[in-house]
N, C-alpha and C. Protein backbone atom coordinates (compact mmCIF):
# COMPACT_ATOMS: atom_id res chain seq x y z
N MET A 1 -30.64 -47.75 -17.27
CA MET A 1 -31.50 -46.68 -16.80
C MET A 1 -31.21 -46.37 -15.33
N LYS A 2 -31.13 -47.44 -14.49
CA LYS A 2 -30.87 -47.22 -13.08
C LYS A 2 -29.50 -46.57 -12.88
N LYS A 3 -28.53 -47.01 -13.67
CA LYS A 3 -27.18 -46.47 -13.55
C LYS A 3 -27.16 -44.97 -13.90
N SER A 4 -27.90 -44.56 -14.96
CA SER A 4 -27.93 -43.14 -15.32
C SER A 4 -28.64 -42.31 -14.26
N LEU A 5 -29.67 -42.85 -13.64
CA LEU A 5 -30.34 -42.13 -12.56
C LEU A 5 -29.41 -41.95 -11.36
N LEU A 6 -28.65 -42.98 -11.06
CA LEU A 6 -27.69 -42.91 -9.97
C LEU A 6 -26.62 -41.85 -10.26
N ILE A 7 -26.12 -41.83 -11.48
CA ILE A 7 -25.11 -40.83 -11.86
C ILE A 7 -25.70 -39.43 -11.76
N LEU A 8 -26.92 -39.25 -12.25
CA LEU A 8 -27.59 -37.94 -12.18
C LEU A 8 -27.76 -37.52 -10.71
N PHE A 9 -28.17 -38.45 -9.86
CA PHE A 9 -28.36 -38.17 -8.44
C PHE A 9 -27.04 -37.73 -7.79
N VAL A 10 -25.95 -38.43 -8.08
CA VAL A 10 -24.63 -38.09 -7.54
C VAL A 10 -24.19 -36.71 -8.03
N LEU A 11 -24.42 -36.44 -9.30
CA LEU A 11 -24.07 -35.12 -9.85
C LEU A 11 -24.86 -34.01 -9.17
N LEU A 12 -26.14 -34.22 -8.97
CA LEU A 12 -26.96 -33.21 -8.29
C LEU A 12 -26.49 -32.98 -6.86
N LEU A 13 -26.15 -34.04 -6.16
CA LEU A 13 -25.63 -33.90 -4.79
C LEU A 13 -24.31 -33.13 -4.78
N SER A 14 -23.45 -33.41 -5.73
CA SER A 14 -22.16 -32.73 -5.75
C SER A 14 -22.33 -31.26 -6.10
N VAL A 15 -23.25 -30.93 -7.00
CA VAL A 15 -23.51 -29.53 -7.33
C VAL A 15 -24.11 -28.82 -6.12
N ALA A 16 -25.03 -29.47 -5.43
CA ALA A 16 -25.62 -28.86 -4.24
C ALA A 16 -24.55 -28.63 -3.18
N GLY A 17 -23.67 -29.59 -3.00
CA GLY A 17 -22.57 -29.42 -2.03
C GLY A 17 -21.63 -28.32 -2.44
N TYR A 18 -21.34 -28.20 -3.73
CA TYR A 18 -20.43 -27.16 -4.22
C TYR A 18 -21.02 -25.79 -3.97
N SER A 19 -22.32 -25.62 -4.26
CA SER A 19 -22.92 -24.29 -4.10
C SER A 19 -22.90 -23.87 -2.63
N GLN A 20 -23.02 -24.82 -1.72
CA GLN A 20 -22.98 -24.46 -0.31
C GLN A 20 -21.57 -24.05 0.12
N THR A 21 -20.55 -24.63 -0.49
CA THR A 21 -19.19 -24.28 -0.08
C THR A 21 -18.75 -22.95 -0.67
N THR A 22 -19.51 -22.41 -1.63
CA THR A 22 -19.11 -21.15 -2.24
C THR A 22 -19.91 -19.97 -1.72
N LYS A 23 -20.65 -20.15 -0.67
CA LYS A 23 -21.36 -19.04 -0.05
C LYS A 23 -20.46 -18.41 1.01
N ILE A 24 -20.60 -17.12 1.16
CA ILE A 24 -19.82 -16.44 2.21
C ILE A 24 -20.35 -16.89 3.57
N LYS A 25 -19.43 -17.23 4.45
CA LYS A 25 -19.80 -17.67 5.79
C LYS A 25 -19.79 -16.45 6.72
N TRP A 26 -20.84 -15.65 6.62
CA TRP A 26 -20.92 -14.41 7.38
C TRP A 26 -20.89 -14.66 8.88
N LEU A 27 -20.19 -13.80 9.58
CA LEU A 27 -20.12 -13.83 11.03
C LEU A 27 -20.69 -12.53 11.58
N THR A 28 -21.02 -12.55 12.86
CA THR A 28 -21.33 -11.28 13.52
C THR A 28 -20.00 -10.58 13.80
N PHE A 29 -20.07 -9.31 14.06
CA PHE A 29 -18.86 -8.56 14.38
C PHE A 29 -18.18 -9.18 15.61
N GLU A 30 -18.97 -9.50 16.60
CA GLU A 30 -18.43 -10.06 17.83
C GLU A 30 -17.74 -11.41 17.59
N GLU A 31 -18.34 -12.26 16.76
CA GLU A 31 -17.72 -13.55 16.43
C GLU A 31 -16.39 -13.35 15.70
N ALA A 32 -16.38 -12.44 14.75
CA ALA A 32 -15.16 -12.20 13.97
C ALA A 32 -14.04 -11.66 14.84
N VAL A 33 -14.35 -10.74 15.73
CA VAL A 33 -13.34 -10.19 16.63
C VAL A 33 -12.78 -11.30 17.52
N ALA A 34 -13.65 -12.11 18.07
CA ALA A 34 -13.20 -13.21 18.94
C ALA A 34 -12.31 -14.18 18.17
N LYS A 35 -12.69 -14.53 16.94
CA LYS A 35 -11.87 -15.43 16.13
C LYS A 35 -10.53 -14.79 15.80
N SER A 36 -10.55 -13.52 15.48
CA SER A 36 -9.31 -12.82 15.11
C SER A 36 -8.36 -12.71 16.30
N GLN A 37 -8.90 -12.60 17.49
CA GLN A 37 -8.05 -12.51 18.68
C GLN A 37 -7.36 -13.86 18.96
N LYS A 38 -8.03 -14.96 18.60
CA LYS A 38 -7.43 -16.28 18.78
C LYS A 38 -6.52 -16.64 17.62
N ASN A 39 -6.94 -16.32 16.41
CA ASN A 39 -6.19 -16.64 15.19
C ASN A 39 -6.25 -15.40 14.28
N PRO A 40 -5.27 -14.49 14.40
CA PRO A 40 -5.34 -13.21 13.67
C PRO A 40 -5.52 -13.37 12.17
N LYS A 41 -6.47 -12.61 11.67
CA LYS A 41 -6.81 -12.59 10.25
C LYS A 41 -7.55 -11.27 10.00
N LYS A 42 -7.45 -10.76 8.81
CA LYS A 42 -8.15 -9.52 8.49
C LYS A 42 -9.66 -9.72 8.55
N LEU A 43 -10.37 -8.62 8.80
CA LEU A 43 -11.83 -8.63 8.75
C LEU A 43 -12.28 -7.91 7.50
N PHE A 44 -13.31 -8.44 6.87
CA PHE A 44 -13.99 -7.79 5.77
C PHE A 44 -15.41 -7.55 6.24
N MET A 45 -15.83 -6.29 6.30
CA MET A 45 -17.15 -5.97 6.80
C MET A 45 -18.02 -5.37 5.71
N ASP A 46 -19.16 -5.99 5.49
CA ASP A 46 -20.17 -5.46 4.59
C ASP A 46 -21.10 -4.61 5.44
N MET A 47 -21.00 -3.29 5.30
CA MET A 47 -21.85 -2.35 6.04
C MET A 47 -23.09 -2.09 5.19
N TYR A 48 -24.22 -2.55 5.68
CA TYR A 48 -25.46 -2.46 4.90
C TYR A 48 -26.59 -1.91 5.76
N THR A 49 -27.72 -1.62 5.11
CA THR A 49 -28.96 -1.30 5.81
C THR A 49 -30.07 -2.10 5.14
N ASP A 50 -31.17 -2.27 5.84
CA ASP A 50 -32.30 -3.02 5.30
C ASP A 50 -32.95 -2.33 4.11
N TRP A 51 -32.90 -1.03 4.05
CA TRP A 51 -33.58 -0.27 3.00
C TRP A 51 -32.71 -0.03 1.76
N CYS A 52 -31.47 -0.46 1.78
CA CYS A 52 -30.51 -0.16 0.71
C CYS A 52 -30.64 -1.14 -0.45
N GLY A 53 -31.14 -0.66 -1.59
CA GLY A 53 -31.30 -1.50 -2.77
C GLY A 53 -29.98 -1.99 -3.34
N TRP A 54 -28.94 -1.14 -3.31
CA TRP A 54 -27.63 -1.54 -3.84
C TRP A 54 -26.98 -2.60 -2.95
N CYS A 55 -27.32 -2.59 -1.67
CA CYS A 55 -26.82 -3.63 -0.76
C CYS A 55 -27.39 -4.99 -1.17
N VAL A 56 -28.67 -5.02 -1.49
CA VAL A 56 -29.33 -6.25 -1.94
C VAL A 56 -28.70 -6.72 -3.25
N LYS A 57 -28.46 -5.79 -4.16
CA LYS A 57 -27.85 -6.13 -5.45
C LYS A 57 -26.45 -6.71 -5.24
N MET A 58 -25.70 -6.15 -4.30
CA MET A 58 -24.37 -6.67 -3.99
C MET A 58 -24.46 -8.12 -3.50
N ASP A 59 -25.44 -8.39 -2.64
CA ASP A 59 -25.66 -9.77 -2.14
C ASP A 59 -26.02 -10.71 -3.27
N GLU A 60 -26.94 -10.27 -4.12
CA GLU A 60 -27.46 -11.14 -5.18
C GLU A 60 -26.45 -11.40 -6.29
N SER A 61 -25.59 -10.45 -6.56
CA SER A 61 -24.67 -10.63 -7.69
C SER A 61 -23.23 -10.86 -7.23
N THR A 62 -22.63 -9.88 -6.65
CA THR A 62 -21.20 -9.95 -6.32
C THR A 62 -20.90 -10.97 -5.24
N PHE A 63 -21.58 -10.88 -4.11
CA PHE A 63 -21.28 -11.80 -3.00
C PHE A 63 -21.72 -13.23 -3.29
N SER A 64 -22.60 -13.44 -4.26
CA SER A 64 -23.01 -14.80 -4.60
C SER A 64 -22.08 -15.42 -5.65
N ASN A 65 -21.14 -14.66 -6.17
CA ASN A 65 -20.17 -15.20 -7.13
C ASN A 65 -19.25 -16.17 -6.40
N PRO A 66 -19.09 -17.40 -6.90
CA PRO A 66 -18.28 -18.40 -6.20
C PRO A 66 -16.82 -17.99 -5.97
N GLU A 67 -16.22 -17.30 -6.93
CA GLU A 67 -14.82 -16.86 -6.77
C GLU A 67 -14.71 -15.82 -5.66
N ILE A 68 -15.64 -14.88 -5.64
CA ILE A 68 -15.64 -13.83 -4.61
C ILE A 68 -15.88 -14.45 -3.24
N ALA A 69 -16.87 -15.31 -3.15
CA ALA A 69 -17.20 -15.95 -1.86
C ALA A 69 -16.02 -16.76 -1.34
N ALA A 70 -15.41 -17.55 -2.21
CA ALA A 70 -14.27 -18.38 -1.78
C ALA A 70 -13.11 -17.51 -1.32
N TYR A 71 -12.82 -16.45 -2.04
CA TYR A 71 -11.69 -15.59 -1.66
C TYR A 71 -11.95 -14.90 -0.32
N ILE A 72 -13.15 -14.40 -0.14
CA ILE A 72 -13.49 -13.75 1.14
C ILE A 72 -13.38 -14.75 2.28
N ASN A 73 -13.96 -15.95 2.11
CA ASN A 73 -13.90 -16.96 3.16
C ASN A 73 -12.47 -17.36 3.51
N ASP A 74 -11.60 -17.46 2.50
CA ASP A 74 -10.23 -17.91 2.71
C ASP A 74 -9.31 -16.85 3.31
N ASN A 75 -9.59 -15.58 3.05
CA ASN A 75 -8.64 -14.53 3.40
C ASN A 75 -9.10 -13.56 4.48
N PHE A 76 -10.36 -13.63 4.86
CA PHE A 76 -10.91 -12.68 5.83
C PHE A 76 -11.87 -13.40 6.78
N TYR A 77 -12.14 -12.76 7.90
CA TYR A 77 -13.32 -13.10 8.68
C TYR A 77 -14.40 -12.17 8.14
N PRO A 78 -15.40 -12.70 7.43
CA PRO A 78 -16.41 -11.85 6.82
C PRO A 78 -17.53 -11.49 7.80
N VAL A 79 -17.85 -10.21 7.85
CA VAL A 79 -18.86 -9.70 8.78
C VAL A 79 -19.96 -9.00 8.00
N LYS A 80 -21.18 -9.35 8.31
CA LYS A 80 -22.36 -8.66 7.77
C LYS A 80 -22.83 -7.76 8.90
N PHE A 81 -22.70 -6.44 8.72
CA PHE A 81 -22.98 -5.50 9.81
C PHE A 81 -24.09 -4.54 9.41
N ASP A 82 -25.24 -4.67 10.08
CA ASP A 82 -26.35 -3.73 9.86
C ASP A 82 -25.96 -2.41 10.50
N ALA A 83 -25.70 -1.40 9.68
CA ALA A 83 -25.22 -0.11 10.17
C ALA A 83 -26.27 0.62 11.00
N GLU A 84 -27.48 0.10 11.03
CA GLU A 84 -28.54 0.70 11.84
C GLU A 84 -29.00 -0.24 12.96
N ARG A 85 -28.16 -1.20 13.29
CA ARG A 85 -28.54 -2.14 14.35
C ARG A 85 -28.80 -1.39 15.64
N GLN A 86 -29.59 -2.01 16.52
CA GLN A 86 -30.05 -1.29 17.70
C GLN A 86 -29.52 -1.82 19.02
N ASP A 87 -28.64 -2.79 18.96
CA ASP A 87 -28.09 -3.34 20.20
C ASP A 87 -26.77 -2.66 20.57
N THR A 88 -26.25 -3.05 21.70
CA THR A 88 -25.00 -2.50 22.21
C THR A 88 -23.84 -3.39 21.79
N VAL A 89 -22.73 -2.77 21.39
CA VAL A 89 -21.53 -3.50 21.02
C VAL A 89 -20.37 -2.94 21.83
N VAL A 90 -19.61 -3.81 22.47
CA VAL A 90 -18.41 -3.40 23.18
C VAL A 90 -17.22 -3.84 22.34
N PHE A 91 -16.38 -2.86 22.00
CA PHE A 91 -15.21 -3.14 21.16
C PHE A 91 -14.05 -2.32 21.67
N GLU A 92 -12.95 -3.00 21.96
CA GLU A 92 -11.74 -2.36 22.50
C GLU A 92 -12.07 -1.47 23.71
N ASP A 93 -12.81 -2.06 24.64
CA ASP A 93 -13.18 -1.43 25.90
C ASP A 93 -14.03 -0.18 25.76
N LYS A 94 -14.69 -0.01 24.64
CA LYS A 94 -15.59 1.12 24.43
C LYS A 94 -16.96 0.58 24.06
N THR A 95 -18.00 1.21 24.59
CA THR A 95 -19.37 0.79 24.34
C THR A 95 -19.97 1.64 23.22
N TYR A 96 -20.56 0.96 22.24
CA TYR A 96 -21.18 1.62 21.10
C TYR A 96 -22.66 1.26 21.06
N VAL A 97 -23.51 2.25 20.79
CA VAL A 97 -24.95 2.04 20.71
C VAL A 97 -25.51 2.78 19.50
N ASN A 98 -26.77 2.56 19.24
CA ASN A 98 -27.50 3.39 18.30
C ASN A 98 -28.18 4.44 19.17
N ALA A 99 -27.75 5.69 19.07
CA ALA A 99 -28.22 6.75 19.97
C ALA A 99 -29.71 7.05 19.80
N ASN A 100 -30.27 6.77 18.64
CA ASN A 100 -31.69 7.04 18.36
C ASN A 100 -32.35 5.79 17.77
N PRO A 101 -32.44 4.73 18.57
CA PRO A 101 -32.89 3.45 18.01
C PRO A 101 -34.29 3.46 17.41
N GLY A 102 -35.14 4.34 17.83
CA GLY A 102 -36.50 4.40 17.29
C GLY A 102 -36.62 5.30 16.07
N LYS A 103 -35.59 6.06 15.81
CA LYS A 103 -35.62 7.02 14.71
C LYS A 103 -35.21 6.34 13.40
N LYS A 104 -35.93 6.68 12.33
CA LYS A 104 -35.65 6.10 11.01
C LYS A 104 -34.26 6.52 10.54
N ARG A 105 -33.52 5.58 9.99
CA ARG A 105 -32.18 5.77 9.42
C ARG A 105 -31.16 6.33 10.44
N SER A 106 -31.28 5.86 11.66
CA SER A 106 -30.32 6.23 12.70
C SER A 106 -29.20 5.20 12.72
N SER A 107 -27.98 5.64 12.50
CA SER A 107 -26.86 4.70 12.40
C SER A 107 -26.23 4.40 13.77
N HIS A 108 -25.67 3.23 13.85
CA HIS A 108 -25.01 2.74 15.06
C HIS A 108 -23.66 3.46 15.21
N GLN A 109 -23.28 3.75 16.44
CA GLN A 109 -22.03 4.46 16.71
C GLN A 109 -20.79 3.69 16.21
N LEU A 110 -20.83 2.35 16.27
CA LEU A 110 -19.69 1.59 15.78
C LEU A 110 -19.57 1.72 14.26
N ALA A 111 -20.70 1.70 13.58
CA ALA A 111 -20.68 1.92 12.12
C ALA A 111 -20.11 3.30 11.82
N GLN A 112 -20.52 4.30 12.56
CA GLN A 112 -20.02 5.67 12.36
C GLN A 112 -18.51 5.72 12.57
N ALA A 113 -18.05 5.06 13.62
CA ALA A 113 -16.61 5.08 13.94
C ALA A 113 -15.80 4.36 12.86
N LEU A 114 -16.24 3.17 12.48
CA LEU A 114 -15.49 2.39 11.49
C LEU A 114 -15.51 3.02 10.11
N MET A 115 -16.64 3.67 9.77
CA MET A 115 -16.77 4.29 8.46
C MET A 115 -16.32 5.75 8.48
N GLN A 116 -15.76 6.16 9.61
CA GLN A 116 -15.21 7.51 9.78
C GLN A 116 -16.23 8.60 9.43
N GLY A 117 -17.48 8.33 9.81
CA GLY A 117 -18.55 9.30 9.64
C GLY A 117 -19.11 9.42 8.23
N LYS A 118 -18.57 8.69 7.28
CA LYS A 118 -19.04 8.75 5.89
C LYS A 118 -20.06 7.63 5.68
N MET A 119 -21.29 7.94 6.02
CA MET A 119 -22.35 6.93 6.04
C MET A 119 -22.96 6.75 4.66
N SER A 120 -22.40 5.84 3.89
CA SER A 120 -22.83 5.54 2.54
C SER A 120 -22.98 4.03 2.44
N TYR A 121 -24.09 3.59 1.83
CA TYR A 121 -24.36 2.16 1.77
C TYR A 121 -24.57 1.72 0.32
N PRO A 122 -24.03 0.54 0.00
CA PRO A 122 -23.17 -0.29 0.83
C PRO A 122 -21.76 0.30 0.92
N SER A 123 -21.07 -0.06 1.96
CA SER A 123 -19.65 0.25 2.13
C SER A 123 -18.98 -0.98 2.72
N TYR A 124 -17.69 -1.08 2.49
CA TYR A 124 -16.93 -2.25 2.94
C TYR A 124 -15.75 -1.78 3.76
N VAL A 125 -15.68 -2.25 4.98
CA VAL A 125 -14.59 -1.87 5.88
C VAL A 125 -13.59 -3.03 5.89
N PHE A 126 -12.35 -2.71 5.56
CA PHE A 126 -11.26 -3.68 5.63
C PHE A 126 -10.48 -3.37 6.90
N MET A 127 -10.36 -4.38 7.77
CA MET A 127 -9.62 -4.22 9.02
C MET A 127 -8.43 -5.18 9.01
N GLY A 128 -7.30 -4.71 9.52
CA GLY A 128 -6.11 -5.54 9.60
C GLY A 128 -6.21 -6.55 10.73
N GLU A 129 -5.19 -7.39 10.81
CA GLU A 129 -5.14 -8.41 11.86
C GLU A 129 -5.13 -7.78 13.25
N ASP A 130 -4.70 -6.52 13.34
CA ASP A 130 -4.69 -5.79 14.61
C ASP A 130 -6.04 -5.14 14.92
N LEU A 131 -7.04 -5.40 14.08
CA LEU A 131 -8.40 -4.88 14.21
C LEU A 131 -8.47 -3.36 14.06
N LYS A 132 -7.54 -2.80 13.32
CA LYS A 132 -7.56 -1.36 12.97
C LYS A 132 -8.06 -1.25 11.54
N VAL A 133 -8.80 -0.18 11.26
CA VAL A 133 -9.35 0.03 9.92
C VAL A 133 -8.22 0.31 8.94
N LEU A 134 -8.19 -0.46 7.85
CA LEU A 134 -7.24 -0.22 6.77
C LEU A 134 -7.82 0.82 5.81
N THR A 135 -9.07 0.60 5.43
CA THR A 135 -9.76 1.54 4.54
C THR A 135 -11.24 1.20 4.51
N VAL A 136 -12.01 2.13 3.96
CA VAL A 136 -13.43 1.93 3.71
C VAL A 136 -13.65 2.15 2.21
N VAL A 137 -14.30 1.20 1.58
CA VAL A 137 -14.59 1.28 0.14
C VAL A 137 -16.11 1.37 -0.02
N PRO A 138 -16.62 2.51 -0.48
CA PRO A 138 -18.07 2.65 -0.65
C PRO A 138 -18.55 2.23 -2.03
N GLY A 139 -19.82 1.82 -2.10
CA GLY A 139 -20.47 1.63 -3.38
C GLY A 139 -20.69 0.20 -3.82
N PHE A 140 -21.47 0.08 -4.89
CA PHE A 140 -21.74 -1.22 -5.51
C PHE A 140 -20.65 -1.51 -6.53
N TYR A 141 -20.21 -2.77 -6.58
CA TYR A 141 -19.23 -3.23 -7.56
C TYR A 141 -19.66 -4.57 -8.13
N PRO A 142 -19.64 -4.72 -9.45
CA PRO A 142 -19.82 -6.07 -10.01
C PRO A 142 -18.64 -6.94 -9.58
N ALA A 143 -18.82 -8.23 -9.61
CA ALA A 143 -17.81 -9.17 -9.11
C ALA A 143 -16.44 -8.96 -9.76
N ASP A 144 -16.40 -8.75 -11.07
CA ASP A 144 -15.10 -8.61 -11.74
C ASP A 144 -14.37 -7.33 -11.33
N GLN A 145 -15.09 -6.31 -10.89
CA GLN A 145 -14.46 -5.08 -10.42
C GLN A 145 -14.13 -5.14 -8.93
N PHE A 146 -14.85 -6.00 -8.20
CA PHE A 146 -14.61 -6.12 -6.75
C PHE A 146 -13.45 -7.05 -6.45
N GLU A 147 -13.23 -8.01 -7.33
CA GLU A 147 -12.17 -9.01 -7.12
C GLU A 147 -10.79 -8.38 -6.89
N PRO A 148 -10.35 -7.41 -7.71
CA PRO A 148 -9.02 -6.84 -7.45
C PRO A 148 -8.95 -6.09 -6.12
N ILE A 149 -10.05 -5.49 -5.70
CA ILE A 149 -10.06 -4.78 -4.41
C ILE A 149 -9.80 -5.78 -3.28
N LEU A 150 -10.49 -6.91 -3.33
CA LEU A 150 -10.30 -7.94 -2.31
C LEU A 150 -8.86 -8.43 -2.28
N HIS A 151 -8.28 -8.67 -3.45
CA HIS A 151 -6.91 -9.17 -3.54
C HIS A 151 -5.90 -8.11 -3.08
N PHE A 152 -6.18 -6.86 -3.36
CA PHE A 152 -5.27 -5.77 -2.96
C PHE A 152 -5.06 -5.78 -1.44
N PHE A 153 -6.14 -6.02 -0.71
CA PHE A 153 -6.02 -6.06 0.76
C PHE A 153 -5.73 -7.47 1.27
N GLY A 154 -6.32 -8.47 0.65
CA GLY A 154 -6.11 -9.85 1.07
C GLY A 154 -4.67 -10.31 0.93
N LYS A 155 -3.99 -9.83 -0.12
CA LYS A 155 -2.59 -10.21 -0.37
C LYS A 155 -1.60 -9.19 0.20
N ASP A 156 -2.08 -8.22 0.96
CA ASP A 156 -1.24 -7.17 1.55
C ASP A 156 -0.51 -6.33 0.51
N ALA A 157 -1.02 -6.29 -0.71
CA ALA A 157 -0.38 -5.49 -1.77
C ALA A 157 -0.40 -4.01 -1.42
N TYR A 158 -1.41 -3.58 -0.64
CA TYR A 158 -1.52 -2.17 -0.25
C TYR A 158 -0.29 -1.69 0.54
N LYS A 159 0.47 -2.63 1.10
CA LYS A 159 1.66 -2.26 1.89
C LYS A 159 2.84 -1.88 1.01
N THR A 160 2.87 -2.37 -0.23
CA THR A 160 4.06 -2.17 -1.07
C THR A 160 3.77 -1.58 -2.45
N THR A 161 2.50 -1.53 -2.83
CA THR A 161 2.14 -1.15 -4.19
C THR A 161 1.00 -0.15 -4.19
N THR A 162 0.98 0.75 -5.15
CA THR A 162 -0.17 1.64 -5.29
C THR A 162 -1.33 0.87 -5.89
N TRP A 163 -2.53 1.36 -5.65
CA TRP A 163 -3.72 0.74 -6.22
C TRP A 163 -3.65 0.76 -7.75
N GLU A 164 -3.19 1.87 -8.31
CA GLU A 164 -3.12 2.01 -9.77
C GLU A 164 -2.21 0.93 -10.38
N THR A 165 -1.05 0.73 -9.78
CA THR A 165 -0.11 -0.27 -10.28
C THR A 165 -0.68 -1.67 -10.11
N PHE A 166 -1.22 -1.95 -8.94
CA PHE A 166 -1.77 -3.28 -8.67
C PHE A 166 -2.92 -3.60 -9.61
N SER A 167 -3.90 -2.70 -9.70
CA SER A 167 -5.09 -2.99 -10.50
C SER A 167 -4.77 -3.09 -12.00
N ALA A 168 -3.77 -2.34 -12.45
CA ALA A 168 -3.39 -2.40 -13.87
C ALA A 168 -2.84 -3.77 -14.25
N GLY A 169 -2.16 -4.44 -13.33
CA GLY A 169 -1.58 -5.75 -13.63
C GLY A 169 -2.37 -6.93 -13.12
N PHE A 170 -3.52 -6.67 -12.49
CA PHE A 170 -4.30 -7.75 -11.88
C PHE A 170 -4.99 -8.61 -12.93
N LYS A 171 -4.84 -9.91 -12.78
CA LYS A 171 -5.52 -10.89 -13.63
C LYS A 171 -6.39 -11.75 -12.72
N GLY A 172 -7.69 -11.54 -12.79
CA GLY A 172 -8.61 -12.25 -11.91
C GLY A 172 -9.18 -13.52 -12.48
N LYS A 173 -9.95 -14.20 -11.64
CA LYS A 173 -10.61 -15.45 -12.03
C LYS A 173 -12.07 -15.25 -12.37
N VAL A 174 -12.65 -14.13 -11.94
CA VAL A 174 -14.08 -13.88 -12.16
C VAL A 174 -14.33 -13.65 -13.64
N LYS A 175 -15.27 -14.38 -14.16
CA LYS A 175 -15.68 -14.24 -15.57
C LYS A 175 -17.06 -13.60 -15.61
N MET A 176 -17.18 -12.54 -16.34
CA MET A 176 -18.47 -11.86 -16.45
C MET A 176 -19.08 -12.03 -17.82
């Protein structure tokens, strides 16, 4: 009896440890930029707002998938960016603010710049190691549909292959 309780306890600890290692280790934009300047790596930015229901659904389903979380953590500096944040951000010697911080649904200038004025939530900004925007992908995606998008940019396939060719041959690990 004592031996089975010990085994159960060890199993529970290992499952708890596993679930913690499969969560996305979100950074602030400033932290990700600083890390990328020391050790270049692409940035993956989740552009969200507090009022966006699809953003919450993305967190609860897609971003909580262990395969998605592990891939993002391994291949990107992941950033959770509130597109309506109200503080000042300095990036590449330019200062960005929210011009109307008291106004409802007022977006931050950095969000506007990175999303090229197409303010749709959720959206995902992929930035290269040089901190330049590669692309912006808008909308909600289930994990199995988001996985090839992550790999397309994470593996640099976008440099040599069309999306159509890449996605047609993609074999993912996410099981739905």
